[in-house]
Amino acid sequence: MSKPETSRWWEGRVIEGRFPLQQWLGASDHSAVFLTEFAGQPSQKVAIKLIRVDDSECESELSRLKATRKLSHPHLIRILECGLCRIEGLPYLYAVMECADDDLSQILPQRPLEPQEVSNLLPPVLDALCYLHRNGFVHGRVKPSNVMAAGNQLKLSSDQAAPVAQQNGQHRRRDVYDAPETAAGIISPAGDIWSVGATVVAALTQNLTLAETASPANRDLAETIPEPFRGVVRECLQLDPNRRGSLREIQEHMQLLAVPADATRSMAAPVEQVPDGDSEGRRPIRIAAAVVMVVLGILLVVFHSVSNKSAETGAATSQPATVTAPASTASAPTPAESPKSTEAKPTPRATAGEVVRRVLPDVPRRAQNTIRGTIKVVVRVLVDPSGKVTSAQFRSHGSSRYFADRALRAAQRWQFSAPEVDGQPTASTWLVQFRFNRKSIQATSHRVQS
């Protein structure tokens, strides 16, 4: 393919009389991708990829693509149809496939991934590679542009995959994600392992140079890659293909260090962790605990009521009632005081503050498009009597440090009207919650006790 821009002009053409080239989605120096239509898939977005091939390679490449089309795995982009065609007299392979919404290469220029995001990304990629290797295939092009999101699933591209025997001996231009031996035409499952390691380095650091020079001897890895990924990367980036870790070993390494989503719930309620058949024996303990909590709640209500009543009447006691009395109210009367002095002083009049300036986080549209689901960030801000924020810190930074940092910066610029007590402005504390999703960024706030 001469230039990626040239492929834009192909919009409106129809391939093989069946597949119209609709919206242009992207191109490389040897391929172009368009939206298209496919019979039997009316509600699903479908893409067609056109791949430039030499006349001498047409049959072998078509055979490879037909073999790949038979693959079926939930974390592989599914190929629906494939064939050969000519555009302006030149031969092209075409592959009609599921249309991905985006890929990892679109995210990394905007921000690195958080460790938790990489933890979510690796299992689908490893599962897809295990399936390929188990069926005698090698992917050969594991890199961010081929790690895709289709709907709610992460998937690996499949149009580059090939039977292992068909891959070896093919010399090609090596990029930063390819194993060193690919320069000699050796393309194997061990090469996919190297590419996984290089992709993890790039995802966590955005540093393609580091991915290109990454090796177990590279000291920079110790400073830039957190565990457990540092160990995974070191296993993947062994110069000797025979010394690289296996996919199963990487999966087991990740599983051992993974923290279940409900781990905090399990640790907070260990009484629920009981052997089978013993749940009835534990039930009285849980019921007793609930009863104790109810009784404590009743006692607190009674104590609060009695304290308020004694504060209102100002009844003399042997000890001053200072537990619930505000600093500005009178203490218990002394015998030398007149009867009028025993009356409770009026409760200070207070007015609640409010937000006078809201600032939403400054997030590039492309970065916002990388969000899956909703990211919640809660910031606790201290506000002085003039209404300015003097301190801001995370109450909860959510699943992404990138968006959390932008929320913190925004919260520092909020302004408030200070609450007043007896007409005097006073300091206050607020919780500001930000909610990020692909469509919007929302902010809510409420005042809390200091």
Protein backbone atom coordinates (compact mmCIF):
# COMPACT_ATOMS: atom_id res chain seq x y z
CA MET A 1 0.00 0.00 0.00
CA SER A 2 1.55 3.31 -1.05
CA LYS A 3 0.27 5.72 1.61
CA PRO A 4 -2.33 5.30 4.36
CA GLU A 5 -4.05 8.49 3.12
CA THR A 6 -4.69 6.85 -0.26
CA SER A 7 -6.96 4.24 1.30
CA ARG A 8 -9.40 6.98 2.39
CA TRP A 9 -10.28 7.44 -1.25
CA TRP A 10 -11.56 3.86 -1.41
CA GLU A 11 -14.66 4.64 0.65
CA GLY A 12 -17.73 3.67 -1.36
CA ARG A 13 -16.11 0.79 -3.24
CA VAL A 14 -17.57 -2.71 -2.86
CA ILE A 15 -15.27 -5.70 -2.36
CA GLU A 16 -16.27 -8.86 -4.20
CA GLY A 17 -19.71 -7.32 -4.76
CA ARG A 18 -20.58 -8.05 -1.11
CA PHE A 19 -18.64 -5.82 1.27
CA PRO A 20 -19.01 -2.04 0.89
CA LEU A 21 -16.12 0.06 2.17
CA GLN A 22 -17.92 2.45 4.48
CA GLN A 23 -16.19 4.64 7.08
CA TRP A 24 -12.38 4.53 7.00
CA LEU A 25 -11.09 3.44 10.44
CA GLY A 26 -7.33 3.45 10.01
CA ALA A 27 -4.35 2.26 7.99
CA SER A 28 -0.72 1.17 8.17
CA ASP A 29 1.90 0.93 5.44
CA HIS A 30 0.48 -2.42 4.31
CA SER A 31 -3.20 -2.50 5.37
CA ALA A 32 -6.39 -0.46 5.74
CA VAL A 33 -9.55 -1.00 7.83
CA PHE A 34 -13.12 0.11 7.04
CA LEU A 35 -16.56 -0.41 8.48
CA THR A 36 -18.60 -2.74 6.30
CA GLU A 37 -21.74 -4.88 6.24
CA PHE A 38 -22.06 -8.63 6.59
CA ALA A 39 -25.17 -10.70 6.00
CA GLY A 40 -26.49 -12.20 9.20
CA GLN A 41 -24.83 -9.57 11.42
CA PRO A 42 -27.29 -6.63 11.19
CA SER A 43 -26.90 -5.45 14.79
CA GLN A 44 -23.14 -5.94 15.13
CA LYS A 45 -20.47 -3.56 13.87
CA VAL A 46 -18.29 -5.36 11.36
CA ALA A 47 -14.96 -4.28 9.90
CA ILE A 48 -13.06 -5.33 6.80
CA LYS A 49 -9.27 -5.30 6.74
CA LEU A 50 -7.45 -5.10 3.41
CA ILE A 51 -3.87 -6.44 3.51
CA ARG A 52 -1.43 -5.82 0.67
CA VAL A 53 0.37 -9.00 -0.48
CA ASP A 54 2.75 -9.90 -3.28
CA ASP A 55 1.52 -12.08 -6.12
CA SER A 56 3.93 -14.83 -5.05
CA GLU A 57 2.42 -14.91 -1.55
CA CYS A 58 -1.27 -14.81 -2.44
CA GLU A 59 -2.04 -18.52 -2.11
CA SER A 60 0.02 -19.17 1.01
CA GLU A 61 -1.35 -16.09 2.77
CA LEU A 62 -4.93 -16.97 1.84
CA SER A 63 -4.37 -20.51 3.15
CA ARG A 64 -3.05 -19.05 6.42
CA LEU A 65 -6.03 -16.72 6.78
CA LYS A 66 -8.51 -19.53 6.10
CA ALA A 67 -6.87 -21.64 8.80
CA THR A 68 -7.07 -18.71 11.22
CA ARG A 69 -10.75 -18.21 10.40
CA LYS A 70 -11.51 -21.60 11.99
CA LEU A 71 -10.25 -20.40 15.36
CA SER A 72 -12.89 -19.57 17.95
CA HIS A 73 -12.18 -18.15 21.40
CA PRO A 74 -13.98 -15.48 23.47
CA HIS A 75 -10.78 -13.40 23.67
CA LEU A 76 -9.90 -13.54 19.97
CA ILE A 77 -11.36 -11.17 17.37
CA ARG A 78 -13.52 -13.46 15.24
CA ILE A 79 -12.94 -13.62 11.48
CA LEU A 80 -16.26 -14.01 9.65
CA GLU A 81 -15.07 -14.18 6.05
CA CYS A 82 -11.82 -13.91 4.08
CA GLY A 83 -10.58 -13.97 0.50
CA LEU A 84 -8.45 -12.36 -2.20
CA CYS A 85 -9.33 -9.31 -4.27
CA ARG A 86 -7.68 -6.70 -6.49
CA ILE A 87 -7.80 -2.94 -6.03
CA GLU A 88 -6.37 -0.81 -8.80
CA GLY A 89 -4.74 -3.93 -10.19
CA LEU A 90 -2.91 -4.89 -6.97
CA PRO A 91 -3.65 -8.04 -4.92
CA TYR A 92 -5.08 -7.71 -1.43
CA LEU A 93 -6.19 -10.18 1.19
CA TYR A 94 -9.42 -9.20 2.91
CA ALA A 95 -10.68 -10.31 6.30
CA VAL A 96 -14.17 -9.47 7.50
CA MET A 97 -14.19 -9.50 11.31
CA GLU A 98 -15.65 -8.19 14.54
CA CYS A 99 -15.15 -4.45 14.83
CA ALA A 100 -13.18 -3.39 17.90
CA ASP A 101 -14.15 -0.19 19.69
CA ASP A 102 -10.54 0.79 20.45
CA ASP A 103 -7.13 -0.69 21.20
CA LEU A 104 -4.34 -0.23 23.71
CA SER A 105 -2.19 1.82 21.34
CA GLN A 106 -4.83 4.57 21.42
CA ILE A 107 -4.63 4.77 25.23
CA LEU A 108 -0.89 4.75 25.84
CA PRO A 109 -0.12 8.09 24.15
CA GLN A 110 -2.51 9.68 26.66
CA ARG A 111 -1.48 7.88 29.85
CA PRO A 112 0.14 4.71 31.21
CA LEU A 113 -2.08 2.00 32.60
CA GLU A 114 -2.52 1.55 36.32
CA PRO A 115 -1.23 -1.77 37.75
CA GLN A 116 -4.83 -2.86 38.38
CA GLU A 117 -5.68 -2.18 34.74
CA VAL A 118 -2.76 -4.34 33.61
CA SER A 119 -3.95 -7.05 36.02
CA ASN A 120 -7.30 -6.95 34.22
CA LEU A 121 -5.70 -6.87 30.78
CA LEU A 122 -3.25 -9.77 31.08
CA PRO A 123 -5.62 -12.73 31.75
CA PRO A 124 -7.63 -12.35 28.48
CA VAL A 125 -4.42 -11.94 26.46
CA LEU A 126 -2.81 -14.96 28.11
CA ASP A 127 -5.97 -17.05 27.67
CA ALA A 128 -6.08 -16.24 23.95
CA LEU A 129 -2.39 -17.08 23.51
CA CYS A 130 -2.80 -20.37 25.40
CA TYR A 131 -5.60 -21.29 23.01
CA LEU A 132 -3.50 -20.41 19.95
CA HIS A 133 -0.41 -22.31 21.15
CA ARG A 134 -2.48 -25.31 22.19
CA ASN A 135 -3.88 -25.51 18.65
CA GLY A 136 -0.50 -25.22 16.97
CA PHE A 137 -0.67 -21.49 16.16
CA VAL A 138 1.56 -18.58 16.99
CA HIS A 139 0.29 -15.01 17.09
CA GLY A 140 3.51 -13.33 16.05
CA ARG A 141 2.32 -9.75 16.55
CA VAL A 142 1.45 -9.25 20.22
CA LYS A 143 1.63 -5.50 20.83
CA PRO A 144 -0.67 -2.69 22.06
CA SER A 145 -2.34 -2.06 18.69
CA ASN A 146 -3.49 -5.70 18.64
CA VAL A 147 -4.89 -5.72 22.20
CA MET A 148 -8.45 -4.58 21.60
CA ALA A 149 -11.73 -3.83 23.35
CA ALA A 150 -14.87 -5.15 21.67
CA GLY A 151 -17.98 -4.34 23.68
CA ASN A 152 -17.24 -5.31 27.28
CA GLN A 153 -14.49 -7.80 26.43
CA LEU A 154 -10.75 -7.51 25.89
CA LYS A 155 -9.61 -9.42 22.80
CA LEU A 156 -6.47 -10.16 20.86
CA SER A 157 -6.43 -9.68 17.09
CA SER A 158 -6.35 -12.92 15.10
CA ASP A 159 -5.70 -12.01 11.46
CA GLN A 160 -1.89 -12.14 11.92
CA ALA A 161 -1.92 -15.60 13.56
CA ALA A 162 -0.59 -18.61 11.65
CA PRO A 163 0.32 -22.26 12.17
CA VAL A 164 3.77 -22.45 13.75
CA ALA A 165 5.31 -24.32 10.80
CA GLN A 166 4.06 -21.70 8.36
CA GLN A 167 5.58 -18.81 10.31
CA ASN A 168 9.22 -19.93 10.60
CA GLY A 169 11.65 -18.81 7.92
CA GLN A 170 9.72 -15.64 7.05
CA HIS A 171 12.01 -12.63 7.39
CA ARG A 172 10.24 -9.41 8.26
CA ARG A 173 10.99 -6.02 9.66
CA ARG A 174 11.30 -6.24 13.46
CA ASP A 175 9.59 -3.70 15.74
CA VAL A 176 10.10 -2.96 19.45
CA TYR A 177 7.67 -5.68 20.55
CA ASP A 178 9.23 -8.52 18.54
CA ALA A 179 11.62 -11.01 20.10
CA PRO A 180 15.25 -10.68 18.99
CA GLU A 181 15.18 -13.96 17.06
CA THR A 182 12.46 -12.71 14.69
CA ALA A 183 15.17 -10.81 12.82
CA ALA A 184 16.47 -14.23 11.72
CA GLY A 185 13.01 -15.41 10.68
CA ILE A 186 12.37 -17.45 13.85
CA ILE A 187 8.76 -16.84 14.86
CA SER A 188 7.56 -19.13 17.64
CA PRO A 189 5.37 -19.30 20.76
CA ALA A 190 8.43 -18.21 22.77
CA GLY A 191 8.45 -15.03 20.69
CA ASP A 192 4.88 -14.34 21.81
CA ILE A 193 6.12 -14.59 25.42
CA TRP A 194 8.74 -11.90 24.77
CA SER A 195 6.10 -9.67 23.15
CA VAL A 196 3.86 -10.00 26.22
CA GLY A 197 6.72 -8.77 28.41
CA ALA A 198 7.48 -5.83 26.12
CA THR A 199 3.78 -4.91 25.99
CA VAL A 200 3.57 -4.91 29.81
CA VAL A 201 6.61 -2.60 29.99
CA ALA A 202 5.06 -0.17 27.50
CA ALA A 203 1.63 -0.29 29.21
CA LEU A 204 3.03 0.57 32.65
CA THR A 205 5.65 3.12 31.61
CA GLN A 206 4.65 4.54 28.19
CA ASN A 207 8.36 4.14 27.50
CA LEU A 208 8.80 2.44 24.13
CA THR A 209 12.56 2.88 24.34
CA LEU A 210 12.57 0.90 27.57
CA ALA A 211 10.41 -1.77 25.91
CA GLU A 212 12.91 -1.97 23.04
CA THR A 213 15.97 -2.30 25.29
CA ALA A 214 14.26 -4.27 28.05
CA SER A 215 16.10 -7.32 29.29
CA PRO A 216 16.67 -9.04 32.64
CA ALA A 217 19.97 -7.14 32.96
CA ASN A 218 18.33 -3.75 32.46
CA ARG A 219 18.53 -2.02 35.85
CA ASP A 220 15.82 0.46 34.87
CA LEU A 221 13.24 -2.31 35.20
CA ALA A 222 13.75 -2.45 38.96
CA GLU A 223 12.84 1.21 39.27
CA THR A 224 9.96 1.51 36.84
CA ILE A 225 8.06 -1.79 36.95
CA PRO A 226 6.15 -2.67 40.16
CA GLU A 227 5.64 -6.23 41.37
CA PRO A 228 4.17 -8.63 40.38
CA PHE A 229 4.83 -7.35 36.87
CA ARG A 230 8.57 -6.96 37.35
CA GLY A 231 8.89 -10.72 37.85
CA VAL A 232 6.66 -11.43 34.85
CA VAL A 233 8.69 -9.09 32.65
CA ARG A 234 11.98 -10.64 33.70
CA GLU A 235 10.65 -14.10 32.86
CA CYS A 236 9.41 -12.95 29.46
CA LEU A 237 12.44 -10.94 28.36
CA GLN A 238 15.07 -13.65 28.48
CA LEU A 239 17.35 -13.47 25.43
CA ASP A 240 17.42 -17.27 25.23
CA PRO A 241 13.91 -18.38 24.07
CA ASN A 242 14.31 -21.65 26.01
CA ARG A 243 14.69 -19.76 29.29
CA ARG A 244 11.53 -17.70 28.98
CA GLY A 245 8.65 -18.47 31.30
CA SER A 246 5.64 -20.35 29.95
CA LEU A 247 2.16 -18.87 29.65
CA ARG A 248 0.97 -21.22 32.38
CA GLU A 249 3.72 -20.04 34.73
CA ILE A 250 2.81 -16.40 34.06
CA GLN A 251 -0.87 -17.15 34.71
CA GLU A 252 -0.08 -18.93 37.97
CA HIS A 253 2.22 -16.08 39.03
CA MET A 254 -0.57 -13.54 38.48
CA GLN A 255 -3.19 -15.68 40.23
CA LEU A 256 -1.07 -16.16 43.34
CA LEU A 257 -0.60 -12.42 43.72
CA ALA A 258 -4.09 -11.36 42.69
CA VAL A 259 -6.42 -9.99 45.39
CA PRO A 260 -10.08 -10.99 44.92
CA ALA A 261 -12.50 -8.11 44.41
CA ASP A 262 -14.39 -9.05 47.60
CA ALA A 263 -11.26 -9.60 49.71
CA THR A 264 -12.01 -6.63 51.94
CA ARG A 265 -15.50 -7.95 52.57
CA SER A 266 -14.09 -11.36 53.53
CA MET A 267 -11.53 -9.88 55.90
CA ALA A 268 -14.14 -7.59 57.51
CA ALA A 269 -16.44 -10.50 58.36
CA PRO A 270 -14.29 -13.57 59.13
CA VAL A 271 -17.14 -15.11 61.13
CA GLU A 272 -18.81 -15.93 57.79
CA GLN A 273 -15.82 -18.11 56.83
CA VAL A 274 -17.03 -21.36 58.37
CA PRO A 275 -16.72 -25.01 57.29
CA ASP A 276 -19.66 -26.72 55.60
CA GLY A 277 -22.28 -27.90 58.08
CA ASP A 278 -21.24 -25.43 60.76
CA SER A 279 -23.32 -22.47 59.64
CA GLU A 280 -26.10 -23.30 62.08
CA GLY A 281 -23.62 -23.29 64.95
CA ARG A 282 -22.39 -19.82 63.99
CA ARG A 283 -25.84 -18.33 63.56
CA PRO A 284 -26.43 -17.64 67.32
CA ILE A 285 -23.10 -15.75 67.40
CA ARG A 286 -24.15 -13.55 64.48
CA ILE A 287 -27.61 -12.99 66.00
CA ALA A 288 -26.06 -12.13 69.40
CA ALA A 289 -23.73 -9.67 67.71
CA ALA A 290 -26.70 -8.05 65.99
CA VAL A 291 -28.60 -7.81 69.28
CA VAL A 292 -25.60 -6.18 70.97
CA MET A 293 -25.42 -3.58 68.20
CA VAL A 294 -29.14 -2.79 68.58
CA VAL A 295 -28.82 -2.43 72.36
CA LEU A 296 -25.82 -0.14 71.98
CA GLY A 297 -27.80 1.96 69.51
CA ILE A 298 -30.69 2.29 71.99
CA LEU A 299 -28.34 3.26 74.82
CA LEU A 300 -26.75 5.94 72.65
CA VAL A 301 -30.17 7.38 71.80
CA VAL A 302 -31.21 7.39 75.47
CA PHE A 303 -27.93 8.97 76.54
CA HIS A 304 -28.25 11.64 73.86
CA SER A 305 -31.83 12.42 74.91
CA VAL A 306 -30.95 12.67 78.60
CA SER A 307 -27.93 14.84 77.88
CA ASN A 308 -29.98 17.22 75.74
CA LYS A 309 -32.70 17.44 78.37
CA SER A 310 -30.25 18.22 81.15
CA ALA A 311 -28.59 20.86 78.99
CA GLU A 312 -31.96 22.51 78.30
CA THR A 313 -33.04 22.65 81.97
CA GLY A 314 -29.62 23.60 83.28
CA ALA A 315 -30.31 21.55 86.44
CA ALA A 316 -27.57 21.86 89.06
CA THR A 317 -25.51 18.71 89.62
CA SER A 318 -22.52 17.85 91.71
CA GLN A 319 -20.33 17.83 88.53
CA PRO A 320 -20.59 20.31 85.62
CA ALA A 321 -22.33 18.79 82.57
CA THR A 322 -19.62 19.49 80.03
CA VAL A 323 -19.99 16.37 77.82
CA THR A 324 -22.53 17.84 75.44
CA ALA A 325 -22.30 21.53 76.20
CA PRO A 326 -20.80 23.66 73.44
CA ALA A 327 -17.84 25.83 74.42
CA SER A 328 -19.95 28.99 74.16
CA THR A 329 -22.72 27.83 76.57
CA ALA A 330 -22.77 28.37 80.37
CA SER A 331 -21.45 25.71 82.71
CA ALA A 332 -23.51 24.49 85.67
CA PRO A 333 -24.46 27.38 88.03
CA THR A 334 -22.74 27.98 91.35
CA PRO A 335 -24.70 28.77 94.52
CA ALA A 336 -23.55 32.42 94.37
CA GLU A 337 -25.26 32.98 91.05
CA SER A 338 -28.76 34.39 90.83
CA PRO A 339 -31.66 32.18 89.72
CA LYS A 340 -31.69 33.82 86.29
CA SER A 341 -28.11 32.74 85.67
CA THR A 342 -29.21 29.08 85.75
CA GLU A 343 -31.22 29.49 82.54
CA ALA A 344 -29.59 28.00 79.43
CA LYS A 345 -28.24 30.57 76.99
CA PRO A 346 -29.68 30.57 73.45
CA THR A 347 -28.14 28.02 71.08
CA PRO A 348 -25.75 29.79 68.69
CA ARG A 349 -27.33 30.40 65.31
CA ALA A 350 -25.47 28.67 62.48
CA THR A 351 -25.77 28.82 58.70
CA ALA A 352 -24.50 26.11 56.40
CA GLY A 353 -21.94 26.96 53.76
CA GLU A 354 -22.33 26.16 50.08
CA VAL A 355 -20.27 25.70 46.94
CA VAL A 356 -19.77 28.91 44.97
CA ARG A 357 -17.33 27.60 42.37
CA ARG A 358 -17.15 24.08 40.94
CA VAL A 359 -14.21 22.99 38.81
CA LEU A 360 -14.36 19.76 36.80
CA PRO A 361 -11.16 17.81 36.11
CA ASP A 362 -9.39 18.66 32.87
CA VAL A 363 -9.32 15.33 30.99
CA PRO A 364 -8.59 14.98 27.26
CA ARG A 365 -11.41 13.42 25.29
CA ARG A 366 -9.18 10.58 24.11
CA ALA A 367 -8.21 9.76 27.68
CA GLN A 368 -11.85 9.77 28.75
CA ASN A 369 -12.63 7.33 25.94
CA THR A 370 -10.35 4.79 27.61
CA ILE A 371 -12.62 4.46 30.66
CA ARG A 372 -14.45 1.18 31.11
CA GLY A 373 -17.42 1.55 33.48
CA THR A 374 -17.27 4.33 36.09
CA ILE A 375 -14.28 5.59 38.06
CA LYS A 376 -15.14 7.19 41.43
CA VAL A 377 -12.75 9.51 43.23
CA VAL A 378 -13.51 11.15 46.60
CA VAL A 379 -11.42 14.10 47.82
CA ARG A 380 -11.56 15.55 51.36
CA VAL A 381 -10.95 19.31 51.36
CA LEU A 382 -10.36 21.68 54.26
CA VAL A 383 -11.80 25.16 53.75
CA ASP A 384 -10.75 28.26 55.68
CA PRO A 385 -13.18 30.98 56.90
CA SER A 386 -12.69 32.89 53.65
CA GLY A 387 -14.01 29.93 51.65
CA LYS A 388 -10.70 28.89 50.06
CA VAL A 389 -9.42 25.33 50.00
CA THR A 390 -6.31 25.05 52.15
CA SER A 391 -5.78 21.32 51.95
CA ALA A 392 -7.01 18.44 49.75
CA GLN A 393 -6.32 14.76 50.12
CA PHE A 394 -7.79 11.53 48.80
CA ARG A 395 -10.55 9.83 50.73
CA SER A 396 -10.68 7.30 47.87
CA HIS A 397 -8.67 7.50 44.64
CA GLY A 398 -10.61 4.82 42.75
CA SER A 399 -9.07 2.45 40.21
CA SER A 400 -6.93 4.94 38.27
CA ARG A 401 -4.20 7.19 39.62
CA TYR A 402 -4.30 9.19 36.37
CA PHE A 403 -7.93 10.31 36.87
CA ALA A 404 -7.47 10.60 40.64
CA ASP A 405 -4.65 13.13 40.20
CA ARG A 406 -6.80 15.25 37.92
CA ALA A 407 -9.68 15.11 40.40
CA LEU A 408 -7.37 16.27 43.20
CA ARG A 409 -6.15 19.23 41.15
CA ALA A 410 -9.72 20.22 40.34
CA ALA A 411 -10.86 19.97 43.99
CA GLN A 412 -8.05 22.30 45.06
CA ARG A 413 -9.60 25.04 42.90
CA TRP A 414 -13.12 24.82 44.35
CA GLN A 415 -14.45 27.74 46.39
CA PHE A 416 -17.10 27.84 49.08
CA SER A 417 -19.12 30.33 51.11
CA ALA A 418 -17.99 29.61 54.66
CA PRO A 419 -20.60 28.46 57.19
CA GLU A 420 -21.34 30.98 59.95
CA VAL A 421 -21.86 30.64 63.68
CA ASP A 422 -23.47 33.70 65.29
CA GLY A 423 -22.64 35.67 62.17
CA GLN A 424 -18.95 34.71 62.19
CA PRO A 425 -17.51 32.69 59.26
CA THR A 426 -15.81 29.49 60.33
CA ALA A 427 -13.62 26.79 58.79
CA SER A 428 -15.28 23.68 57.34
CA THR A 429 -14.57 20.29 55.82
CA TRP A 430 -16.13 18.93 52.63
CA LEU A 431 -16.13 15.69 50.66
CA VAL A 432 -16.10 16.16 46.89
CA GLN A 433 -16.90 13.11 44.77
CA PHE A 434 -16.01 12.91 41.08
CA ARG A 435 -17.48 10.28 38.77
CA PHE A 436 -15.74 9.63 35.45
CA ASN A 437 -17.19 7.64 32.56
CA ARG A 438 -16.89 7.79 28.80
CA LYS A 439 -19.83 10.12 28.38
CA SER A 440 -19.46 12.57 31.25
CA ILE A 441 -17.60 13.80 34.32
CA GLN A 442 -19.81 14.60 37.32
CA ALA A 443 -19.08 16.17 40.69
CA THR A 444 -21.09 16.25 43.92
CA SER A 445 -20.21 17.54 47.39
CA HIS A 446 -21.42 17.62 50.96
CA ARG A 447 -20.15 19.16 54.17
CA VAL A 448 -18.90 16.88 56.96
CA GLN A 449 -17.87 17.38 60.54
CA SER A 450 -14.20 18.36 60.87
